[in-house]
Amino acid sequence: MIDDPALLARAEALVAAYAAAGLRAACAESCTGGLVAGLLTAVPGSSAVVERGFVTYSNDAKSEMLGVPADLIATHGAVSKSVARAMAEGALAHSHADVAVSITGIAGPGGGSEAKPVGLVHFGLARRGAATRHIERRYGNLGRTEIRRLAVAEALELFGRAVEPVGTD
């Protein structure tokens, strides 16, 4: 993803905006496997902004690293609104960041079902002092690389929405 000029330009703009606002960011990634954190940290000066990244590919990692309750995963599945929100909140709770974005989805080619098809991705956005938000995207079975690229782009968009002071949405 680092070689995608549009995504890199967006990451550069985010790092600049977060630095200007004095905000720190954290990522909690499952299906993207650290691509968002990797893209952000490709930007010079990102150490002032990127507080940490969590790659929580397994359910155990989601629970152990982010505090996502195992029963929440068992009830709703790892790819769900509830887990995406809990992942974002857990990233804030286990970091010194001001804003956290989470991503959990099915990038394929396997792993999908009728209820949760390949291309389904849930995102959480948590900011200290604000309500946690959720977005669901159904990209379709576009291939693993494209689904992950679209998820990275959406995560950058979410980080961008959180730059404004709390209460301005």
Protein backbone atom coordinates (compact mmCIF):
# COMPACT_ATOMS: atom_id res chain seq x y z
CA MET A 1 0.00 0.00 0.00
CA ILE A 2 2.95 2.29 0.55
CA ASP A 3 3.51 2.38 -3.21
CA ASP A 4 -0.02 3.72 -3.84
CA PRO A 5 0.54 7.47 -4.46
CA ALA A 6 -3.03 8.47 -3.55
CA LEU A 7 -2.99 6.57 -0.25
CA LEU A 8 0.47 7.87 0.62
CA ALA A 9 -0.63 11.45 -0.10
CA ARG A 10 -3.65 10.96 2.18
CA ALA A 11 -1.41 9.53 4.91
CA GLU A 12 0.95 12.51 4.58
CA ALA A 13 -1.98 14.92 4.92
CA LEU A 14 -3.26 13.04 7.97
CA VAL A 15 0.11 13.06 9.70
CA ALA A 16 0.36 16.82 9.11
CA ALA A 17 -3.19 17.45 10.35
CA TYR A 18 -2.71 15.31 13.46
CA ALA A 19 0.63 16.96 14.23
CA ALA A 20 -0.94 20.42 13.88
CA ALA A 21 -3.84 19.40 16.15
CA GLY A 22 -1.58 17.71 18.70
CA LEU A 23 -3.37 14.37 18.27
CA ARG A 24 -1.92 10.87 18.58
CA ALA A 25 -3.33 7.92 16.64
CA ALA A 26 -3.57 4.16 17.17
CA CYS A 27 -4.72 1.41 14.82
CA ALA A 28 -6.34 -1.92 15.71
CA GLU A 29 -6.15 -4.02 12.57
CA SER A 30 -7.31 -7.50 11.73
CA CYS A 31 -7.87 -8.15 8.00
CA THR A 32 -5.44 -5.38 6.99
CA GLY A 33 -2.66 -6.91 9.07
CA GLY A 34 -0.90 -3.64 9.93
CA LEU A 35 -1.18 -1.98 6.52
CA VAL A 36 -2.68 1.22 7.97
CA ALA A 37 0.05 1.58 10.59
CA GLY A 38 2.67 0.74 7.95
CA LEU A 39 1.34 3.41 5.61
CA LEU A 40 1.19 6.06 8.31
CA THR A 41 4.69 5.28 9.56
CA ALA A 42 6.05 5.55 6.00
CA VAL A 43 5.52 9.30 6.37
CA PRO A 44 8.46 11.30 7.74
CA GLY A 45 7.51 12.86 11.07
CA SER A 46 4.91 10.20 11.83
CA SER A 47 6.58 9.38 15.15
CA ALA A 48 4.95 12.53 16.54
CA VAL A 49 1.53 11.19 15.57
CA VAL A 50 1.41 7.38 15.46
CA GLU A 51 1.28 6.18 19.06
CA ARG A 52 1.02 2.45 18.28
CA GLY A 53 -0.58 -0.19 16.15
CA PHE A 54 -2.17 -3.48 17.13
CA VAL A 55 -2.29 -6.34 14.64
CA THR A 56 -5.00 -8.53 16.14
CA TYR A 57 -5.56 -11.11 13.45
CA SER A 58 -6.70 -13.88 15.79
CA ASN A 59 -9.61 -13.77 18.20
CA ASP A 60 -7.20 -14.41 21.08
CA ALA A 61 -5.18 -11.35 20.05
CA LYS A 62 -8.33 -9.22 20.00
CA SER A 63 -9.09 -10.32 23.55
CA GLU A 64 -5.56 -10.33 24.95
CA MET A 65 -4.24 -7.13 23.35
CA LEU A 66 -7.37 -5.00 23.18
CA GLY A 67 -9.58 -6.46 25.91
CA VAL A 68 -12.37 -7.45 23.52
CA PRO A 69 -14.52 -9.85 25.56
CA ALA A 70 -14.33 -13.41 24.23
CA ASP A 71 -18.08 -13.79 24.74
CA LEU A 72 -18.68 -10.76 22.49
CA ILE A 73 -16.68 -12.45 19.74
CA ALA A 74 -18.48 -15.76 20.35
CA THR A 75 -21.89 -14.09 20.19
CA HIS A 76 -21.43 -11.69 17.27
CA GLY A 77 -18.38 -13.05 15.46
CA ALA A 78 -15.04 -11.33 14.97
CA VAL A 79 -16.39 -9.54 11.90
CA SER A 80 -19.17 -7.49 13.46
CA LYS A 81 -20.18 -4.02 14.53
CA SER A 82 -19.83 -4.92 18.20
CA VAL A 83 -16.30 -6.25 17.83
CA ALA A 84 -15.16 -3.35 15.63
CA ARG A 85 -16.37 -0.87 18.24
CA ALA A 86 -14.77 -2.85 21.07
CA MET A 87 -11.49 -3.04 19.15
CA ALA A 88 -11.36 0.75 18.67
CA GLU A 89 -12.24 1.37 22.32
CA GLY A 90 -9.66 -1.22 23.40
CA ALA A 91 -6.98 0.46 21.31
CA LEU A 92 -7.65 3.72 23.17
CA ALA A 93 -7.72 1.99 26.54
CA HIS A 94 -4.40 0.23 25.86
CA SER A 95 -2.55 3.22 24.42
CA HIS A 96 -1.85 6.90 24.91
CA ALA A 97 -3.57 7.80 21.65
CA ASP A 98 -6.38 10.31 21.28
CA VAL A 99 -7.96 8.58 18.28
CA ALA A 100 -8.16 4.92 17.31
CA VAL A 101 -9.48 3.22 14.20
CA SER A 102 -10.24 -0.49 14.06
CA ILE A 103 -10.73 -2.78 11.08
CA THR A 104 -12.14 -6.31 11.06
CA GLY A 105 -13.36 -8.03 7.93
CA ILE A 106 -13.28 -10.86 5.45
CA ALA A 107 -10.74 -10.19 2.71
CA GLY A 108 -11.07 -13.63 1.13
CA PRO A 109 -10.78 -15.50 -0.99
CA GLY A 110 -12.36 -17.89 1.54
CA GLY A 111 -13.99 -17.38 4.90
CA GLY A 112 -17.19 -15.77 3.75
CA SER A 113 -20.77 -16.92 4.24
CA GLU A 114 -24.18 -15.78 3.08
CA ALA A 115 -24.58 -13.62 6.19
CA LYS A 116 -20.97 -12.41 6.17
CA PRO A 117 -19.67 -12.49 2.60
CA VAL A 118 -16.15 -11.88 1.36
CA GLY A 119 -15.70 -8.12 1.20
CA LEU A 120 -17.60 -7.37 4.42
CA VAL A 121 -15.52 -5.03 6.60
CA HIS A 122 -16.47 -3.33 9.86
CA PHE A 123 -14.67 -0.22 11.13
CA GLY A 124 -14.68 1.45 14.52
CA LEU A 125 -13.63 5.02 15.29
CA ALA A 126 -12.99 5.96 18.89
CA ARG A 127 -11.87 9.35 20.15
CA ARG A 128 -11.35 10.30 23.76
CA GLY A 129 -14.36 12.29 24.94
CA ALA A 130 -16.61 11.28 22.04
CA ALA A 131 -18.99 8.47 21.23
CA THR A 132 -17.53 5.53 19.34
CA ARG A 133 -18.66 5.31 15.73
CA HIS A 134 -19.04 2.36 13.38
CA ILE A 135 -19.09 1.95 9.63
CA GLU A 136 -19.89 -1.19 7.67
CA ARG A 137 -18.71 -1.66 4.11
CA ARG A 138 -19.62 -4.43 1.70
CA TYR A 139 -17.03 -4.16 -1.03
CA GLY A 140 -17.95 -7.41 -2.73
CA ASN A 141 -15.59 -10.18 -3.75
CA LEU A 142 -13.05 -7.91 -5.46
CA GLY A 143 -10.02 -9.94 -4.48
CA ARG A 144 -8.00 -9.89 -1.30
CA THR A 145 -5.61 -7.11 -2.32
CA GLU A 146 -8.36 -4.74 -3.47
CA ILE A 147 -10.53 -5.33 -0.39
CA ARG A 148 -7.57 -4.58 1.85
CA ARG A 149 -6.66 -1.47 -0.18
CA LEU A 150 -10.23 -0.17 0.11
CA ALA A 151 -10.22 -0.89 3.85
CA VAL A 152 -6.99 1.07 4.28
CA ALA A 153 -8.50 3.99 2.36
CA GLU A 154 -11.60 3.90 4.57
CA ALA A 155 -9.47 3.84 7.72
CA LEU A 156 -7.61 6.95 6.55
CA GLU A 157 -10.97 8.61 5.89
CA LEU A 158 -12.09 7.79 9.43
CA PHE A 159 -8.90 9.18 10.92
CA GLY A 160 -9.54 12.33 8.91
CA ARG A 161 -13.04 12.72 10.35
CA ALA A 162 -11.63 12.66 13.87
CA VAL A 163 -9.29 15.65 13.42
CA GLU A 164 -12.03 18.16 14.18
CA PRO A 165 -12.51 18.96 17.86
CA VAL A 166 -14.96 16.78 19.78
CA GLY A 167 -18.55 17.94 19.38
CA THR A 168 -18.20 19.45 15.91
CA ASP A 169 -19.63 16.49 13.96
